[in-house]
Amino acid sequence: MYKVGENTEAVNNCLKISEDDREDARRTLEKLHHQGEQITRTHMMNADIEKDLSQSIGTYVGRTQIGHLQAQEIQRRNSNWTSTSSTSMQRQ
């Protein structure tokens, strides 16, 4: 009878360890699931930011190119006006 009591206690201890391990595994899975959701949200936010930046950069580059072309046109007009003005002044 003494051995039966020892065996029962050993089995109960093993069962308790097994239950603790199972609870640890459950908590680990919950944490992993939560972290996976965080990673997904972060990835989606990064994708949105990248899209916004791409659009902003495209708009900026477009404006910069237009601005550059406009500046060139103004410079060309100014150089024509200057040369025309100096020619008129020389004639007088």
PDB file of N, CA and C in Angstrom:
ATOM      1  N   MET A   1       0.813  -1.189   0.000  1.00  0.00           N
ATOM      2  CA  MET A   1       0.000   0.000   0.000  1.00  0.00           C
ATOM      3  C   MET A   1       0.867   1.267   0.000  1.00  0.00           C
ATOM      4  N   TYR A   2       1.993   1.196   0.613  1.00  0.00           N
ATOM      5  CA  TYR A   2       2.898   2.330   0.679  1.00  0.00           C
ATOM      6  C   TYR A   2       3.340   2.761  -0.710  1.00  0.00           C
ATOM      7  N   LYS A   3       3.653   1.780  -1.582  1.00  0.00           N
ATOM      8  CA  LYS A   3       4.082   2.073  -2.951  1.00  0.00           C
ATOM      9  C   LYS A   3       2.952   2.718  -3.748  1.00  0.00           C
ATOM     10  N   VAL A   4       1.737   2.291  -3.527  1.00  0.00           N
ATOM     11  CA  VAL A   4       0.605   2.854  -4.249  1.00  0.00           C
ATOM     12  C   VAL A   4       0.474   4.336  -3.918  1.00  0.00           C
ATOM     13  N   GLY A   5       0.637   4.701  -2.684  1.00  0.00           N
ATOM     14  CA  GLY A   5       0.558   6.101  -2.262  1.00  0.00           C
ATOM     15  C   GLY A   5       1.668   6.927  -2.902  1.00  0.00           C
ATOM     16  N   GLU A   6       2.871   6.350  -2.962  1.00  0.00           N
ATOM     17  CA  GLU A   6       3.993   7.043  -3.608  1.00  0.00           C
ATOM     18  C   GLU A   6       3.730   7.250  -5.090  1.00  0.00           C
ATOM     19  N   ASN A   7       3.235   6.196  -5.716  1.00  0.00           N
ATOM     20  CA  ASN A   7       2.943   6.277  -7.150  1.00  0.00           C
ATOM     21  C   ASN A   7       1.852   7.311  -7.432  1.00  0.00           C
ATOM     22  N   THR A   8       0.820   7.326  -6.588  1.00  0.00           N
ATOM     23  CA  THR A   8      -0.267   8.280  -6.765  1.00  0.00           C
ATOM     24  C   THR A   8       0.258   9.709  -6.624  1.00  0.00           C
ATOM     25  N   GLU A   9       1.108   9.925  -5.622  1.00  0.00           N
ATOM     26  CA  GLU A   9       1.685  11.254  -5.422  1.00  0.00           C
ATOM     27  C   GLU A   9       2.569  11.651  -6.607  1.00  0.00           C
ATOM     28  N   ALA A  10       3.355  10.715  -7.119  1.00  0.00           N
ATOM     29  CA  ALA A  10       4.225  10.996  -8.267  1.00  0.00           C
ATOM     30  C   ALA A  10       3.390  11.328  -9.507  1.00  0.00           C
ATOM     31  N   VAL A  11       2.318  10.560  -9.706  1.00  0.00           N
ATOM     32  CA  VAL A  11       1.442  10.807 -10.855  1.00  0.00           C
ATOM     33  C   VAL A  11       0.763  12.168 -10.709  1.00  0.00           C
ATOM     34  N   ASN A  12       0.303  12.500  -9.516  1.00  0.00           N
ATOM     35  CA  ASN A  12      -0.336  13.802  -9.288  1.00  0.00           C
ATOM     36  C   ASN A  12       0.656  14.952  -9.530  1.00  0.00           C
ATOM     37  N   ASN A  13       1.906  14.757  -9.097  1.00  0.00           N
ATOM     38  CA  ASN A  13       2.931  15.777  -9.355  1.00  0.00           C
ATOM     39  C   ASN A  13       3.174  15.937 -10.860  1.00  0.00           C
ATOM     40  N   CYS A  14       3.240  14.813 -11.559  1.00  0.00           N
ATOM     41  CA  CYS A  14       3.415  14.867 -13.022  1.00  0.00           C
ATOM     42  C   CYS A  14       2.233  15.566 -13.677  1.00  0.00           C
ATOM     43  N   LEU A  15       1.036  15.271 -13.198  1.00  0.00           N
ATOM     44  CA  LEU A  15      -0.165  15.898 -13.738  1.00  0.00           C
ATOM     45  C   LEU A  15      -0.132  17.410 -13.494  1.00  0.00           C
ATOM     46  N   LYS A  16       0.272  17.816 -12.284  1.00  0.00           N
ATOM     47  CA  LYS A  16       0.368  19.243 -11.969  1.00  0.00           C
ATOM     48  C   LYS A  16       1.390  19.919 -12.883  1.00  0.00           C
ATOM     49  N   ILE A  17       2.540  19.287 -13.087  1.00  0.00           N
ATOM     50  CA  ILE A  17       3.565  19.838 -13.983  1.00  0.00           C
ATOM     51  C   ILE A  17       3.019  19.944 -15.397  1.00  0.00           C
ATOM     52  N   SER A  18       2.301  18.917 -15.837  1.00  0.00           N
ATOM     53  CA  SER A  18       1.723  18.912 -17.178  1.00  0.00           C
ATOM     54  C   SER A  18       0.695  20.032 -17.333  1.00  0.00           C
ATOM     55  N   GLU A  19      -0.140  20.229 -16.318  1.00  0.00           N
ATOM     56  CA  GLU A  19      -1.134  21.305 -16.366  1.00  0.00           C
ATOM     57  C   GLU A  19      -0.456  22.676 -16.395  1.00  0.00           C
ATOM     58  N   ASP A  20       0.605  22.837 -15.604  1.00  0.00           N
ATOM     59  CA  ASP A  20       1.352  24.103 -15.615  1.00  0.00           C
ATOM     60  C   ASP A  20       1.975  24.354 -16.992  1.00  0.00           C
ATOM     61  N   ASP A  21       2.553  23.296 -17.573  1.00  0.00           N
ATOM     62  CA  ASP A  21       3.143  23.425 -18.908  1.00  0.00           C
ATOM     63  C   ASP A  21       2.083  23.807 -19.936  1.00  0.00           C
ATOM     64  N   ARG A  22       0.916  23.203 -19.803  1.00  0.00           N
ATOM     65  CA  ARG A  22      -0.158  23.506 -20.742  1.00  0.00           C
ATOM     66  C   ARG A  22      -0.589  24.969 -20.612  1.00  0.00           C
ATOM     67  N   GLU A  23      -0.699  25.458 -19.389  1.00  0.00           N
ATOM     68  CA  GLU A  23      -1.074  26.860 -19.168  1.00  0.00           C
ATOM     69  C   GLU A  23       0.008  27.798 -19.715  1.00  0.00           C
ATOM     70  N   ASP A  24       1.270  27.457 -19.500  1.00  0.00           N
ATOM     71  CA  ASP A  24       2.370  28.260 -20.060  1.00  0.00           C
ATOM     72  C   ASP A  24       2.293  28.296 -21.586  1.00  0.00           C
ATOM     73  N   ALA A  25       2.012  27.149 -22.186  1.00  0.00           N
ATOM     74  CA  ALA A  25       1.907  27.079 -23.647  1.00  0.00           C
ATOM     75  C   ALA A  25       0.736  27.930 -24.145  1.00  0.00           C
ATOM     76  N   ARG A  26      -0.380  27.891 -23.421  1.00  0.00           N
ATOM     77  CA  ARG A  26      -1.549  28.692 -23.800  1.00  0.00           C
ATOM     78  C   ARG A  26      -1.220  30.182 -23.745  1.00  0.00           C
ATOM     79  N   ARG A  27      -0.570  30.618 -22.665  1.00  0.00           N
ATOM     80  CA  ARG A  27      -0.184  32.037 -22.543  1.00  0.00           C
ATOM     81  C   ARG A  27       0.805  32.431 -23.639  1.00  0.00           C
ATOM     82  N   THR A  28       1.738  31.527 -23.942  1.00  0.00           N
ATOM     83  CA  THR A  28       2.711  31.805 -25.004  1.00  0.00           C
ATOM     84  C   THR A  28       2.006  31.981 -26.340  1.00  0.00           C
ATOM     85  N   LEU A  29       1.044  31.107 -26.644  1.00  0.00           N
ATOM     86  CA  LEU A  29       0.292  31.229 -27.893  1.00  0.00           C
ATOM     87  C   LEU A  29      -0.495  32.535 -27.946  1.00  0.00           C
ATOM     88  N   GLU A  30      -1.092  32.920 -26.827  1.00  0.00           N
ATOM     89  CA  GLU A  30      -1.827  34.191 -26.786  1.00  0.00           C
ATOM     90  C   GLU A  30      -0.890  35.365 -27.061  1.00  0.00           C
ATOM     91  N   LYS A  31       0.294  35.345 -26.434  1.00  0.00           N
ATOM     92  CA  LYS A  31       1.261  36.426 -26.651  1.00  0.00           C
ATOM     93  C   LYS A  31       1.731  36.453 -28.099  1.00  0.00           C
ATOM     94  N   LEU A  32       2.002  35.285 -28.662  1.00  0.00           N
ATOM     95  CA  LEU A  32       2.433  35.221 -30.060  1.00  0.00           C
ATOM     96  C   LEU A  32       1.343  35.743 -30.992  1.00  0.00           C
ATOM     97  N   HIS A  33       0.104  35.388 -30.708  1.00  0.00           N
ATOM     98  CA  HIS A  33      -1.013  35.865 -31.521  1.00  0.00           C
ATOM     99  C   HIS A  33      -1.111  37.394 -31.431  1.00  0.00           C
ATOM    100  N   HIS A  34      -1.005  37.918 -30.216  1.00  0.00           N
ATOM    101  CA  HIS A  34      -1.069  39.372 -30.014  1.00  0.00           C
ATOM    102  C   HIS A  34       0.085  40.061 -30.747  1.00  0.00           C
ATOM    103  N   GLN A  35       1.282  39.504 -30.651  1.00  0.00           N
ATOM    104  CA  GLN A  35       2.433  40.086 -31.343  1.00  0.00           C
ATOM    105  C   GLN A  35       2.246  40.027 -32.856  1.00  0.00           C
ATOM    106  N   GLY A  36       1.671  38.937 -33.346  1.00  0.00           N
ATOM    107  CA  GLY A  36       1.388  38.825 -34.779  1.00  0.00           C
ATOM    108  C   GLY A  36       0.428  39.907 -35.240  1.00  0.00           C
ATOM    109  N   GLU A  37      -0.598  40.180 -34.432  1.00  0.00           N
ATOM    110  CA  GLU A  37      -1.537  41.258 -34.762  1.00  0.00           C
ATOM    111  C   GLU A  37      -0.834  42.611 -34.764  1.00  0.00           C
ATOM    112  N   GLN A  38       0.058  42.836 -33.801  1.00  0.00           N
ATOM    113  CA  GLN A  38       0.809  44.095 -33.751  1.00  0.00           C
ATOM    114  C   GLN A  38       1.692  44.244 -34.985  1.00  0.00           C
ATOM    115  N   ILE A  39       2.346  43.165 -35.373  1.00  0.00           N
ATOM    116  CA  ILE A  39       3.210  43.195 -36.556  1.00  0.00           C
ATOM    117  C   ILE A  39       2.383  43.511 -37.796  1.00  0.00           C
ATOM    118  N   THR A  40       1.215  42.894 -37.904  1.00  0.00           N
ATOM    119  CA  THR A  40       0.339  43.143 -39.054  1.00  0.00           C
ATOM    120  C   THR A  40      -0.091  44.608 -39.095  1.00  0.00           C
ATOM    121  N   ARG A  41      -0.512  45.146 -37.935  1.00  0.00           N
ATOM    122  CA  ARG A  41      -0.920  46.560 -37.885  1.00  0.00           C
ATOM    123  C   ARG A  41       0.252  47.477 -38.243  1.00  0.00           C
ATOM    124  N   THR A  42       1.428  47.169 -37.714  1.00  0.00           N
ATOM    125  CA  THR A  42       2.615  47.981 -38.009  1.00  0.00           C
ATOM    126  C   THR A  42       2.938  47.927 -39.491  1.00  0.00           C
ATOM    127  N   HIS A  43       2.848  46.741 -40.069  1.00  0.00           N
ATOM    128  CA  HIS A  43       3.122  46.584 -41.503  1.00  0.00           C
ATOM    129  C   HIS A  43       2.133  47.408 -42.329  1.00  0.00           C
ATOM    130  N   MET A  44       0.857  47.355 -41.960  1.00  0.00           N
ATOM    131  CA  MET A  44      -0.156  48.107 -42.694  1.00  0.00           C
ATOM    132  C   MET A  44       0.084  49.619 -42.560  1.00  0.00           C
ATOM    133  N   MET A  45       0.443  50.061 -41.353  1.00  0.00           N
ATOM    134  CA  MET A  45       0.727  51.486 -41.161  1.00  0.00           C
ATOM    135  C   MET A  45       1.942  51.906 -41.990  1.00  0.00           C
ATOM    136  N   ASN A  46       2.967  51.062 -42.017  1.00  0.00           N
ATOM    137  CA  ASN A  46       4.153  51.372 -42.819  1.00  0.00           C
ATOM    138  C   ASN A  46       3.809  51.440 -44.301  1.00  0.00           C
ATOM    139  N   ALA A  47       2.954  50.534 -44.756  1.00  0.00           N
ATOM    140  CA  ALA A  47       2.546  50.545 -46.165  1.00  0.00           C
ATOM    141  C   ALA A  47       1.787  51.836 -46.483  1.00  0.00           C
ATOM    142  N   ASP A  48       0.907  52.265 -45.563  1.00  0.00           N
ATOM    143  CA  ASP A  48       0.171  53.521 -45.766  1.00  0.00           C
ATOM    144  C   ASP A  48       1.123  54.717 -45.799  1.00  0.00           C
ATOM    145  N   ILE A  49       2.090  54.728 -44.882  1.00  0.00           N
ATOM    146  CA  ILE A  49       3.066  55.828 -44.843  1.00  0.00           C
ATOM    147  C   ILE A  49       3.878  55.854 -46.124  1.00  0.00           C
ATOM    148  N   GLU A  50       4.312  54.667 -46.570  1.00  0.00           N
ATOM    149  CA  GLU A  50       5.102  54.592 -47.805  1.00  0.00           C
ATOM    150  C   GLU A  50       4.300  55.105 -48.999  1.00  0.00           C
ATOM    151  N   LYS A  51       3.016  54.741 -49.046  1.00  0.00           N
ATOM    152  CA  LYS A  51       2.151  55.201 -50.139  1.00  0.00           C
ATOM    153  C   LYS A  51       2.013  56.721 -50.102  1.00  0.00           C
ATOM    154  N   ASP A  52       1.763  57.260 -48.896  1.00  0.00           N
ATOM    155  CA  ASP A  52       1.631  58.717 -48.753  1.00  0.00           C
ATOM    156  C   ASP A  52       2.918  59.429 -49.156  1.00  0.00           C
ATOM    157  N   LEU A  53       4.053  58.888 -48.722  1.00  0.00           N
ATOM    158  CA  LEU A  53       5.336  59.501 -49.072  1.00  0.00           C
ATOM    159  C   LEU A  53       5.578  59.455 -50.571  1.00  0.00           C
ATOM    160  N   SER A  54       5.252  58.328 -51.185  1.00  0.00           N
ATOM    161  CA  SER A  54       5.439  58.215 -52.632  1.00  0.00           C
ATOM    162  C   SER A  54       4.601  59.257 -53.365  1.00  0.00           C
ATOM    163  N   GLN A  55       3.362  59.422 -52.933  1.00  0.00           N
ATOM    164  CA  GLN A  55       2.495  60.419 -53.566  1.00  0.00           C
ATOM    165  C   GLN A  55       3.027  61.825 -53.329  1.00  0.00           C
ATOM    166  N   SER A  56       3.468  62.088 -52.100  1.00  0.00           N
ATOM    167  CA  SER A  56       3.995  63.418 -51.780  1.00  0.00           C
ATOM    168  C   SER A  56       5.260  63.711 -52.571  1.00  0.00           C
ATOM    169  N   ILE A  57       6.139  62.737 -52.650  1.00  0.00           N
ATOM    170  CA  ILE A  57       7.383  62.924 -53.396  1.00  0.00           C
ATOM    171  C   ILE A  57       7.073  63.130 -54.871  1.00  0.00           C
ATOM    172  N   GLY A  58       6.131  62.361 -55.399  1.00  0.00           N
ATOM    173  CA  GLY A  58       5.740  62.527 -56.801  1.00  0.00           C
ATOM    174  C   GLY A  58       5.203  63.919 -57.059  1.00  0.00           C
ATOM    175  N   THR A  59       4.368  64.397 -56.156  1.00  0.00           N
ATOM    176  CA  THR A  59       3.819  65.747 -56.286  1.00  0.00           C
ATOM    177  C   THR A  59       4.935  66.779 -56.169  1.00  0.00           C
ATOM    178  N   TYR A  60       5.834  66.577 -55.211  1.00  0.00           N
ATOM    179  CA  TYR A  60       6.942  67.516 -55.009  1.00  0.00           C
ATOM    180  C   TYR A  60       7.841  67.553 -56.237  1.00  0.00           C
ATOM    181  N   VAL A  61       8.187  66.365 -56.747  1.00  0.00           N
ATOM    182  CA  VAL A  61       9.047  66.306 -57.932  1.00  0.00           C
ATOM    183  C   VAL A  61       8.352  66.975 -59.107  1.00  0.00           C
ATOM    184  N   GLY A  62       7.064  66.699 -59.274  1.00  0.00           N
ATOM    185  CA  GLY A  62       6.308  67.329 -60.356  1.00  0.00           C
ATOM    186  C   GLY A  62       6.309  68.838 -60.223  1.00  0.00           C
ATOM    187  N   ARG A  63       6.076  69.318 -59.019  1.00  0.00           N
ATOM    188  CA  ARG A  63       6.072  70.767 -58.795  1.00  0.00           C
ATOM    189  C   ARG A  63       7.467  71.342 -59.005  1.00  0.00           C
ATOM    190  N   THR A  64       8.467  70.607 -58.555  1.00  0.00           N
ATOM    191  CA  THR A  64       9.841  71.079 -58.710  1.00  0.00           C
ATOM    192  C   THR A  64      10.196  71.181 -60.179  1.00  0.00           C
ATOM    193  N   GLN A  65       9.797  70.175 -60.954  1.00  0.00           N
ATOM    194  CA  GLN A  65      10.087  70.210 -62.386  1.00  0.00           C
ATOM    195  C   GLN A  65       9.338  71.356 -63.054  1.00  0.00           C
ATOM    196  N   ILE A  66       8.086  71.537 -62.689  1.00  0.00           N
ATOM    197  CA  ILE A  66       7.305  72.642 -63.252  1.00  0.00           C
ATOM    198  C   ILE A  66       7.928  73.962 -62.822  1.00  0.00           C
ATOM    199  N   GLY A  67       8.280  74.056 -61.539  1.00  0.00           N
ATOM    200  CA  GLY A  67       8.918  75.273 -61.047  1.00  0.00           C
ATOM    201  C   GLY A  67      10.227  75.547 -61.753  1.00  0.00           C
ATOM    202  N   HIS A  68      10.994  74.510 -62.006  1.00  0.00           N
ATOM    203  CA  HIS A  68      12.267  74.668 -62.714  1.00  0.00           C
ATOM    204  C   HIS A  68      12.029  75.170 -64.138  1.00  0.00           C
ATOM    205  N   LEU A  69      11.043  74.578 -64.800  1.00  0.00           N
ATOM    206  CA  LEU A  69      10.726  75.019 -66.164  1.00  0.00           C
ATOM    207  C   LEU A  69      10.229  76.461 -66.174  1.00  0.00           C
ATOM    208  N   GLN A  70       9.408  76.819 -65.192  1.00  0.00           N
ATOM    209  CA  GLN A  70       8.914  78.197 -65.108  1.00  0.00           C
ATOM    210  C   GLN A  70      10.070  79.162 -64.846  1.00  0.00           C
ATOM    211  N   ALA A  71      10.992  78.768 -63.969  1.00  0.00           N
ATOM    212  CA  ALA A  71      12.143  79.626 -63.678  1.00  0.00           C
ATOM    213  C   ALA A  71      12.999  79.811 -64.921  1.00  0.00           C
ATOM    214  N   GLN A  72      13.170  78.736 -65.684  1.00  0.00           N
ATOM    215  CA  GLN A  72      13.941  78.848 -66.929  1.00  0.00           C
ATOM    216  C   GLN A  72      13.251  79.809 -67.903  1.00  0.00           C
ATOM    217  N   GLU A  73      11.936  79.700 -67.989  1.00  0.00           N
ATOM    218  CA  GLU A  73      11.180  80.578 -68.892  1.00  0.00           C
ATOM    219  C   GLU A  73      11.300  82.032 -68.450  1.00  0.00           C
ATOM    220  N   ILE A  74      11.194  82.281 -67.173  1.00  0.00           N
ATOM    221  CA  ILE A  74      11.331  83.651 -66.660  1.00  0.00           C
ATOM    222  C   ILE A  74      12.733  84.175 -66.935  1.00  0.00           C
ATOM    223  N   GLN A  75      13.718  83.326 -66.699  1.00  0.00           N
ATOM    224  CA  GLN A  75      15.101  83.734 -66.956  1.00  0.00           C
ATOM    225  C   GLN A  75      15.299  84.053 -68.437  1.00  0.00           C
ATOM    226  N   ARG A  76      14.722  83.218 -69.302  1.00  0.00           N
ATOM    227  CA  ARG A  76      14.823  83.451 -70.746  1.00  0.00           C
ATOM    228  C   ARG A  76      14.159  84.774 -71.110  1.00  0.00           C
ATOM    229  N   ARG A  77      12.976  85.027 -70.562  1.00  0.00           N
ATOM    230  CA  ARG A  77      12.273  86.286 -70.845  1.00  0.00           C
ATOM    231  C   ARG A  77      13.073  87.484 -70.340  1.00  0.00           C
ATOM    232  N   ASN A  78      13.637  87.345 -69.139  1.00  0.00           N
ATOM    233  CA  ASN A  78      14.431  88.443 -68.582  1.00  0.00           C
ATOM    234  C   ASN A  78      15.662  88.720 -69.431  1.00  0.00           C
ATOM    235  N   SER A  79      16.297  87.672 -69.898  1.00  0.00           N
ATOM    236  CA  SER A  79      17.489  87.895 -70.725  1.00  0.00           C
ATOM    237  C   SER A  79      17.087  88.540 -72.050  1.00  0.00           C
ATOM    238  N   ASN A  80      15.946  88.168 -72.618  1.00  0.00           N
ATOM    239  CA  ASN A  80      15.454  88.810 -73.843  1.00  0.00           C
ATOM    240  C   ASN A  80      15.103  90.267 -73.582  1.00  0.00           C
ATOM    241  N   TRP A  81      14.459  90.537 -72.467  1.00  0.00           N
ATOM    242  CA  TRP A  81      14.069  91.901 -72.135  1.00  0.00           C
ATOM    243  C   TRP A  81      15.313  92.762 -71.919  1.00  0.00           C
ATOM    244  N   THR A  82      16.308  92.202 -71.215  1.00  0.00           N
ATOM    245  CA  THR A  82      17.535  92.950 -70.953  1.00  0.00           C
ATOM    246  C   THR A  82      18.253  93.280 -72.243  1.00  0.00           C
ATOM    247  N   SER A  83      18.366  92.294 -73.112  1.00  0.00           N
ATOM    248  CA  SER A  83      19.058  92.559 -74.380  1.00  0.00           C
ATOM    249  C   SER A  83      18.242  93.512 -75.247  1.00  0.00           C
ATOM    250  N   THR A  84      16.928  93.424 -75.221  1.00  0.00           N
ATOM    251  CA  THR A  84      16.073  94.332 -75.986  1.00  0.00           C
ATOM    252  C   THR A  84      16.170  95.739 -75.411  1.00  0.00           C
ATOM    253  N   SER A  85      16.156  95.841 -74.085  1.00  0.00           N
ATOM    254  CA  SER A  85      16.237  97.151 -73.435  1.00  0.00           C
ATOM    255  C   SER A  85      17.567  97.815 -73.714  1.00  0.00           C
ATOM    256  N   SER A  86      18.636  97.081 -73.636  1.00  0.00           N
ATOM    257  CA  SER A  86      19.952  97.688 -73.876  1.00  0.00           C
ATOM    258  C   SER A  86      20.094  98.103 -75.334  1.00  0.00           C
ATOM    259  N   THR A  87      19.497  97.358 -76.252  1.00  0.00           N
ATOM    260  CA  THR A  87      19.539  97.726 -77.667  1.00  0.00           C
ATOM    261  C   THR A  87      18.757  99.006 -77.887  1.00  0.00           C
ATOM    262  N   SER A  88      17.573  99.151 -77.258  1.00  0.00           N
ATOM    263  CA  SER A  88      16.764 100.357 -77.420  1.00  0.00           C
ATOM    264  C   SER A  88      17.484 101.554 -76.834  1.00  0.00           C
ATOM    265  N   MET A  89      18.142 101.344 -75.706  1.00  0.00           N
ATOM    266  CA  MET A  89      18.839 102.456 -75.084  1.00  0.00           C
ATOM    267  C   MET A  89      20.020 102.900 -75.936  1.00  0.00           C
ATOM    268  N   GLN A  90      20.668 101.966 -76.567  1.00  0.00           N
ATOM    269  CA  GLN A  90      21.810 102.311 -77.412  1.00  0.00           C
ATOM    270  C   GLN A  90      21.344 103.113 -78.624  1.00  0.00           C
ATOM    271  N   ARG A  91      20.161 102.822 -79.125  1.00  0.00           N
ATOM    272  CA  ARG A  91      19.638 103.509 -80.306  1.00  0.00           C
ATOM    273  C   ARG A  91      19.311 104.960 -79.988  1.00  0.00           C
ATOM    274  N   GLN A  92      18.936 105.244 -78.775  1.00  0.00           N
ATOM    275  CA  GLN A  92      18.514 106.610 -78.426  1.00  0.00           C
ATOM    276  C   GLN A  92      19.684 107.467 -78.305  1.00  0.00           C
TER     277      GLN A  92
END
